[in-house]
Each structure stands twice: as structure tokens, then as C-alpha cells.
Amino acid sequence: MSERTKRELALVASTYGELEIDPAFGWFIIKRWPLVPGWGKEHTRVLVMIPPGYAVTPPDNFHTDPDLAVKNGGQPGSTAATSINGQQWLQFSYHTEASDWQPENGHNLLTFLCGVDRRLREIS
């Protein structure tokens, strides 16, 4: 793993709390992501895959606990059940356009998570 990725993961941990990090650095999990009212629970885990070629290549999509639902019990829009390393997750469709991703100008894992935050505030 690059020194850049190590520094960014430390920044993510200082912002979001305890992380679980893949020993091969292919993903990380934020263990307790706070949710806004409107979701069926107050917190969820958030998993982000770190793609080969990061930081030139941005992360794509993110995953939450498989039971994350809106308060009325419905499944959020643009999501699908998936399995990663034998564990079930709910995958949210969330994409950073390659043309908008500029790691040389400050884009990093934390700025990607700002987009995750916006997506989880949509409650749809």
C-alpha cells in the first residue's frame, strides 16, 4: 500500500472512528456510520473498496449493512444485495466521474466519503 493511502486511511479514521482494514488493503470498513432520521436504524457499517491503481483510479460504489432500509421498511433506490468475502452487503450505486476525480488537486478517500454522506442523506 502506498504511503498516500496509509495517510488517507488515518485521516478517515480520525474523522469517522474505528476502521477495519483489509490486510491486502483492498477495502476498509467504517464500523459505525451515523445515519440521519428517515432510515430504519441510527448507524450502519460502510465498506469502500480501494481499487487497483488508487489514487489515479477513484473508488466506485459503496456498501452498507444488508438490512439497511428506509424507515417504512423499503429498500433504498439504486441498491442491490451483494456478497464480498462471504459476507452480505447492500451495494449503493455511487460513481465519481473520472474526469471529476483529481487526486493531484486534493481528492482522496475522505472526499469520496463526502459523496457517500450526501448519498446517504438522500434517503431514497
N, C-alpha and C. Protein backbone atom coordinates (compact mmCIF):
# COMPACT_ATOMS: atom_id res chain seq x y z
N MET A 1 0.86 -1.17 0.00
CA MET A 1 0.00 0.00 0.00
C MET A 1 0.90 1.23 0.00
N SER A 2 0.45 2.23 -0.70
CA SER A 2 1.23 3.46 -0.78
C SER A 2 1.15 4.25 0.52
N GLU A 3 2.16 5.06 0.73
CA GLU A 3 2.15 5.95 1.89
C GLU A 3 0.95 6.88 1.84
N ARG A 4 0.58 7.30 0.63
CA ARG A 4 -0.59 8.17 0.48
C ARG A 4 -1.84 7.49 1.03
N THR A 5 -2.06 6.24 0.65
CA THR A 5 -3.25 5.51 1.10
C THR A 5 -3.23 5.34 2.61
N LYS A 6 -2.07 5.04 3.18
CA LYS A 6 -1.96 4.92 4.64
C LYS A 6 -2.35 6.23 5.33
N ARG A 7 -1.85 7.35 4.80
CA ARG A 7 -2.18 8.66 5.39
C ARG A 7 -3.68 8.94 5.27
N GLU A 8 -4.25 8.59 4.12
CA GLU A 8 -5.68 8.84 3.91
C GLU A 8 -6.52 7.99 4.85
N LEU A 9 -6.14 6.73 5.05
CA LEU A 9 -6.89 5.87 5.97
C LEU A 9 -6.80 6.40 7.40
N ALA A 10 -5.66 6.95 7.77
CA ALA A 10 -5.53 7.56 9.10
C ALA A 10 -6.46 8.78 9.20
N LEU A 11 -6.56 9.55 8.14
CA LEU A 11 -7.46 10.70 8.11
C LEU A 11 -8.92 10.25 8.21
N VAL A 12 -9.28 9.18 7.49
CA VAL A 12 -10.64 8.64 7.57
C VAL A 12 -10.94 8.19 9.00
N ALA A 13 -9.99 7.49 9.62
CA ALA A 13 -10.19 7.02 11.00
C ALA A 13 -10.34 8.19 11.97
N SER A 14 -9.58 9.25 11.76
CA SER A 14 -9.70 10.40 12.67
C SER A 14 -11.03 11.12 12.50
N THR A 15 -11.65 10.97 11.34
CA THR A 15 -12.93 11.62 11.07
C THR A 15 -14.11 10.73 11.42
N TYR A 16 -14.04 9.44 11.09
CA TYR A 16 -15.19 8.55 11.23
C TYR A 16 -15.04 7.49 12.32
N GLY A 17 -13.92 7.45 12.98
CA GLY A 17 -13.75 6.47 14.06
C GLY A 17 -13.15 5.17 13.59
N GLU A 18 -13.38 4.15 14.38
CA GLU A 18 -12.72 2.86 14.17
C GLU A 18 -12.97 2.28 12.79
N LEU A 19 -11.89 1.81 12.17
CA LEU A 19 -11.95 1.17 10.86
C LEU A 19 -11.51 -0.28 10.97
N GLU A 20 -12.01 -1.08 10.06
CA GLU A 20 -11.46 -2.40 9.79
C GLU A 20 -10.83 -2.29 8.42
N ILE A 21 -9.57 -2.69 8.30
CA ILE A 21 -8.85 -2.53 7.04
C ILE A 21 -8.39 -3.90 6.56
N ASP A 22 -8.69 -4.20 5.31
CA ASP A 22 -8.25 -5.44 4.68
C ASP A 22 -6.73 -5.53 4.77
N PRO A 23 -6.19 -6.69 5.20
CA PRO A 23 -4.73 -6.84 5.26
C PRO A 23 -4.04 -6.59 3.91
N ALA A 24 -4.75 -6.84 2.81
CA ALA A 24 -4.19 -6.59 1.48
C ALA A 24 -4.54 -5.18 0.99
N PHE A 25 -5.22 -4.39 1.81
CA PHE A 25 -5.59 -3.00 1.53
C PHE A 25 -6.50 -2.87 0.31
N GLY A 26 -7.37 -3.86 0.10
CA GLY A 26 -8.33 -3.79 -0.99
C GLY A 26 -9.64 -3.14 -0.58
N TRP A 27 -9.86 -2.92 0.72
CA TRP A 27 -11.09 -2.31 1.21
C TRP A 27 -10.89 -1.83 2.63
N PHE A 28 -11.83 -1.02 3.09
CA PHE A 28 -11.90 -0.65 4.51
C PHE A 28 -13.36 -0.52 4.89
N ILE A 29 -13.62 -0.71 6.18
CA ILE A 29 -14.98 -0.60 6.72
C ILE A 29 -14.97 0.44 7.84
N ILE A 30 -15.89 1.39 7.71
CA ILE A 30 -16.17 2.31 8.81
C ILE A 30 -17.20 1.58 9.67
N LYS A 31 -16.87 1.31 10.90
CA LYS A 31 -17.70 0.43 11.72
C LYS A 31 -19.00 1.05 12.23
N ARG A 32 -19.07 2.38 12.27
CA ARG A 32 -20.28 3.00 12.84
C ARG A 32 -20.55 4.33 12.15
N TRP A 33 -21.22 4.25 11.01
CA TRP A 33 -21.57 5.46 10.25
C TRP A 33 -22.92 5.97 10.76
N PRO A 34 -22.99 7.21 11.26
CA PRO A 34 -24.26 7.74 11.76
C PRO A 34 -25.21 8.04 10.59
N LEU A 35 -26.46 7.69 10.76
CA LEU A 35 -27.49 7.93 9.74
C LEU A 35 -28.44 9.03 10.18
N VAL A 36 -28.97 9.74 9.22
CA VAL A 36 -29.93 10.80 9.51
C VAL A 36 -31.31 10.18 9.74
N PRO A 37 -32.23 10.89 10.41
CA PRO A 37 -33.59 10.37 10.57
C PRO A 37 -34.21 10.05 9.21
N GLY A 38 -34.98 9.01 9.19
CA GLY A 38 -35.60 8.56 7.94
C GLY A 38 -35.14 7.17 7.56
N TRP A 39 -33.99 6.78 8.10
CA TRP A 39 -33.53 5.40 7.92
C TRP A 39 -34.12 4.54 9.03
N GLY A 40 -34.12 3.25 8.85
CA GLY A 40 -34.69 2.33 9.82
C GLY A 40 -33.81 2.06 11.02
N LYS A 41 -32.62 2.62 11.05
CA LYS A 41 -31.73 2.48 12.20
C LYS A 41 -30.84 3.71 12.28
N GLU A 42 -30.09 3.82 13.37
CA GLU A 42 -29.30 5.02 13.60
C GLU A 42 -27.89 4.96 13.03
N HIS A 43 -27.34 3.74 12.85
CA HIS A 43 -25.97 3.57 12.38
C HIS A 43 -25.89 2.39 11.41
N THR A 44 -24.89 2.39 10.57
CA THR A 44 -24.60 1.26 9.70
C THR A 44 -23.09 1.18 9.50
N ARG A 45 -22.63 0.04 9.09
CA ARG A 45 -21.24 -0.06 8.63
C ARG A 45 -21.20 0.41 7.18
N VAL A 46 -20.08 0.98 6.78
CA VAL A 46 -19.87 1.39 5.38
C VAL A 46 -18.56 0.78 4.91
N LEU A 47 -18.64 0.01 3.83
CA LEU A 47 -17.47 -0.61 3.23
C LEU A 47 -17.16 0.10 1.92
N VAL A 48 -15.89 0.43 1.73
CA VAL A 48 -15.42 1.05 0.49
C VAL A 48 -14.30 0.19 -0.06
N MET A 49 -14.41 -0.18 -1.31
CA MET A 49 -13.36 -0.92 -1.99
C MET A 49 -12.30 0.08 -2.47
N ILE A 50 -11.03 -0.26 -2.26
CA ILE A 50 -9.93 0.56 -2.76
C ILE A 50 -9.45 -0.11 -4.05
N PRO A 51 -9.70 0.52 -5.20
CA PRO A 51 -9.41 -0.16 -6.46
C PRO A 51 -7.91 -0.25 -6.75
N PRO A 52 -7.52 -1.27 -7.53
CA PRO A 52 -6.14 -1.27 -8.02
C PRO A 52 -5.91 0.04 -8.78
N GLY A 53 -4.77 0.61 -8.63
CA GLY A 53 -4.49 1.87 -9.30
C GLY A 53 -4.93 3.10 -8.54
N TYR A 54 -5.47 2.90 -7.31
CA TYR A 54 -5.81 4.07 -6.49
C TYR A 54 -4.51 4.80 -6.19
N ALA A 55 -4.39 6.06 -6.30
CA ALA A 55 -5.36 7.12 -6.27
C ALA A 55 -5.70 7.63 -7.66
N VAL A 56 -5.02 7.15 -8.68
CA VAL A 56 -5.38 7.58 -10.03
C VAL A 56 -6.80 7.13 -10.34
N THR A 57 -7.14 5.92 -9.95
CA THR A 57 -8.49 5.38 -10.15
C THR A 57 -9.30 5.62 -8.88
N PRO A 58 -10.46 6.28 -8.98
CA PRO A 58 -11.25 6.56 -7.78
C PRO A 58 -12.02 5.32 -7.31
N PRO A 59 -12.42 5.30 -6.04
CA PRO A 59 -13.34 4.24 -5.59
C PRO A 59 -14.65 4.34 -6.38
N ASP A 60 -15.38 3.24 -6.42
CA ASP A 60 -16.66 3.20 -7.13
C ASP A 60 -17.66 2.43 -6.29
N ASN A 61 -18.82 3.02 -6.06
CA ASN A 61 -19.87 2.44 -5.22
C ASN A 61 -19.42 2.38 -3.77
N PHE A 62 -20.35 2.03 -2.90
CA PHE A 62 -20.05 1.75 -1.50
C PHE A 62 -21.09 0.77 -1.01
N HIS A 63 -20.85 0.19 0.15
CA HIS A 63 -21.70 -0.87 0.68
C HIS A 63 -22.05 -0.57 2.13
N THR A 64 -23.23 -1.02 2.53
CA THR A 64 -23.69 -0.86 3.92
C THR A 64 -24.16 -2.22 4.44
N ASP A 65 -24.56 -2.21 5.72
CA ASP A 65 -25.17 -3.42 6.27
C ASP A 65 -26.31 -3.87 5.35
N PRO A 66 -26.49 -5.16 5.18
CA PRO A 66 -27.52 -5.64 4.24
C PRO A 66 -28.94 -5.31 4.68
N ASP A 67 -29.15 -5.05 5.95
CA ASP A 67 -30.51 -4.77 6.44
C ASP A 67 -30.86 -3.29 6.44
N LEU A 68 -30.00 -2.44 5.88
CA LEU A 68 -30.31 -1.01 5.86
C LEU A 68 -31.54 -0.76 4.99
N ALA A 69 -32.54 -0.13 5.58
CA ALA A 69 -33.79 0.16 4.87
C ALA A 69 -34.28 1.53 5.31
N VAL A 70 -35.13 2.11 4.49
CA VAL A 70 -35.75 3.36 4.91
C VAL A 70 -36.73 3.05 6.04
N LYS A 71 -37.15 4.05 6.75
CA LYS A 71 -37.94 3.85 7.97
C LYS A 71 -39.21 3.02 7.73
N ASN A 72 -39.82 3.16 6.55
CA ASN A 72 -41.04 2.38 6.27
C ASN A 72 -40.72 0.94 5.87
N GLY A 73 -39.44 0.57 5.87
CA GLY A 73 -39.04 -0.80 5.56
C GLY A 73 -38.66 -1.03 4.11
N GLY A 74 -38.80 -0.02 3.27
CA GLY A 74 -38.47 -0.18 1.86
C GLY A 74 -36.97 -0.17 1.60
N GLN A 75 -36.60 -0.78 0.49
CA GLN A 75 -35.19 -0.79 0.09
C GLN A 75 -34.83 0.54 -0.55
N PRO A 76 -33.67 1.09 -0.20
CA PRO A 76 -33.25 2.35 -0.82
C PRO A 76 -33.10 2.18 -2.34
N GLY A 77 -33.30 3.27 -3.06
CA GLY A 77 -33.16 3.24 -4.51
C GLY A 77 -31.72 3.03 -4.94
N SER A 78 -31.55 2.47 -6.11
CA SER A 78 -30.23 2.24 -6.72
C SER A 78 -29.31 1.43 -5.83
N THR A 79 -29.88 0.37 -5.25
CA THR A 79 -29.10 -0.53 -4.41
C THR A 79 -29.33 -1.97 -4.86
N ALA A 80 -28.41 -2.85 -4.46
CA ALA A 80 -28.54 -4.27 -4.76
C ALA A 80 -27.79 -5.07 -3.70
N ALA A 81 -28.31 -6.23 -3.39
CA ALA A 81 -27.62 -7.13 -2.47
C ALA A 81 -26.38 -7.69 -3.16
N THR A 82 -25.31 -7.82 -2.39
CA THR A 82 -24.07 -8.37 -2.93
C THR A 82 -23.32 -9.09 -1.82
N SER A 83 -22.36 -9.89 -2.20
CA SER A 83 -21.53 -10.62 -1.25
C SER A 83 -20.07 -10.26 -1.50
N ILE A 84 -19.37 -9.93 -0.43
CA ILE A 84 -17.93 -9.63 -0.50
C ILE A 84 -17.25 -10.45 0.57
N ASN A 85 -16.29 -11.26 0.16
CA ASN A 85 -15.56 -12.13 1.09
C ASN A 85 -16.50 -12.98 1.94
N GLY A 86 -17.57 -13.46 1.32
CA GLY A 86 -18.51 -14.33 2.01
C GLY A 86 -19.47 -13.62 2.94
N GLN A 87 -19.47 -12.31 2.94
CA GLN A 87 -20.36 -11.54 3.82
C GLN A 87 -21.34 -10.74 2.96
N GLN A 88 -22.58 -10.69 3.40
CA GLN A 88 -23.62 -9.97 2.65
C GLN A 88 -23.53 -8.47 2.93
N TRP A 89 -23.77 -7.68 1.85
CA TRP A 89 -23.76 -6.22 1.92
C TRP A 89 -24.86 -5.69 1.02
N LEU A 90 -25.23 -4.44 1.25
CA LEU A 90 -26.13 -3.72 0.36
C LEU A 90 -25.27 -2.72 -0.41
N GLN A 91 -25.18 -2.91 -1.72
CA GLN A 91 -24.35 -2.04 -2.55
C GLN A 91 -25.16 -0.85 -3.05
N PHE A 92 -24.64 0.34 -2.80
CA PHE A 92 -25.24 1.58 -3.30
C PHE A 92 -24.52 1.98 -4.58
N SER A 93 -25.28 2.31 -5.59
CA SER A 93 -24.70 2.83 -6.81
C SER A 93 -24.26 4.27 -6.56
N TYR A 94 -22.97 4.49 -6.60
CA TYR A 94 -22.42 5.83 -6.41
C TYR A 94 -21.12 5.90 -7.18
N HIS A 95 -21.04 6.81 -8.12
CA HIS A 95 -19.88 6.87 -9.00
C HIS A 95 -19.29 8.28 -9.03
N THR A 96 -17.98 8.32 -8.97
CA THR A 96 -17.25 9.56 -9.18
C THR A 96 -16.77 9.54 -10.62
N GLU A 97 -17.14 10.54 -11.37
CA GLU A 97 -16.69 10.61 -12.75
C GLU A 97 -15.18 10.76 -12.80
N ALA A 98 -14.54 9.95 -13.64
CA ALA A 98 -13.08 10.00 -13.74
C ALA A 98 -12.60 11.41 -14.08
N SER A 99 -13.38 12.11 -14.89
CA SER A 99 -12.98 13.48 -15.27
C SER A 99 -13.09 14.45 -14.10
N ASP A 100 -13.91 14.12 -13.09
CA ASP A 100 -14.05 14.97 -11.91
C ASP A 100 -13.06 14.61 -10.80
N TRP A 101 -12.48 13.41 -10.88
CA TRP A 101 -11.57 12.92 -9.84
C TRP A 101 -10.18 13.46 -10.12
N GLN A 102 -9.67 14.27 -9.21
CA GLN A 102 -8.37 14.90 -9.40
C GLN A 102 -7.52 14.71 -8.14
N PRO A 103 -6.88 13.55 -8.00
CA PRO A 103 -6.09 13.30 -6.80
C PRO A 103 -4.94 14.28 -6.61
N GLU A 104 -4.44 14.83 -7.71
CA GLU A 104 -3.36 15.82 -7.60
C GLU A 104 -3.86 17.15 -7.05
N ASN A 105 -5.18 17.33 -7.04
CA ASN A 105 -5.78 18.56 -6.52
C ASN A 105 -6.56 18.33 -5.23
N GLY A 106 -6.22 17.26 -4.51
CA GLY A 106 -6.81 17.06 -3.18
C GLY A 106 -7.89 16.01 -3.05
N HIS A 107 -8.35 15.41 -4.14
CA HIS A 107 -9.34 14.35 -3.99
C HIS A 107 -8.69 13.13 -3.36
N ASN A 108 -9.40 12.53 -2.42
CA ASN A 108 -8.86 11.40 -1.67
C ASN A 108 -10.01 10.58 -1.09
N LEU A 109 -9.69 9.62 -0.24
CA LEU A 109 -10.74 8.77 0.34
C LEU A 109 -11.72 9.59 1.15
N LEU A 110 -11.26 10.62 1.82
CA LEU A 110 -12.16 11.45 2.61
C LEU A 110 -13.11 12.24 1.73
N THR A 111 -12.64 12.77 0.61
CA THR A 111 -13.55 13.50 -0.28
C THR A 111 -14.54 12.53 -0.93
N PHE A 112 -14.10 11.29 -1.20
CA PHE A 112 -15.05 10.28 -1.70
C PHE A 112 -16.15 10.06 -0.67
N LEU A 113 -15.77 9.99 0.61
CA LEU A 113 -16.75 9.77 1.67
C LEU A 113 -17.70 10.95 1.84
N CYS A 114 -17.31 12.12 1.43
CA CYS A 114 -18.25 13.26 1.43
C CYS A 114 -19.41 12.96 0.48
N GLY A 115 -19.10 12.33 -0.65
CA GLY A 115 -20.14 11.92 -1.58
C GLY A 115 -21.01 10.81 -1.01
N VAL A 116 -20.40 9.88 -0.29
CA VAL A 116 -21.16 8.83 0.38
C VAL A 116 -22.14 9.46 1.36
N ASP A 117 -21.66 10.44 2.11
CA ASP A 117 -22.51 11.13 3.07
C ASP A 117 -23.70 11.79 2.37
N ARG A 118 -23.45 12.47 1.26
CA ARG A 118 -24.55 13.09 0.51
C ARG A 118 -25.55 12.03 0.06
N ARG A 119 -25.04 10.92 -0.45
CA ARG A 119 -25.92 9.84 -0.94
C ARG A 119 -26.77 9.27 0.20
N LEU A 120 -26.20 9.09 1.37
CA LEU A 120 -26.95 8.54 2.50
C LEU A 120 -27.91 9.55 3.12
N ARG A 121 -27.77 10.80 2.80
CA ARG A 121 -28.72 11.81 3.26
C ARG A 121 -29.95 11.90 2.33
N GLU A 122 -29.87 11.29 1.17
CA GLU A 122 -30.98 11.33 0.20
C GLU A 122 -32.19 10.50 0.67
N ILE A 123 -31.94 9.42 1.39
CA ILE A 123 -32.98 8.54 1.92
C ILE A 123 -34.02 8.21 0.84
N SER A 124 -33.54 7.61 -0.23
CA SER A 124 -34.47 7.22 -1.29
C SER A 124 -34.23 5.81 -1.74
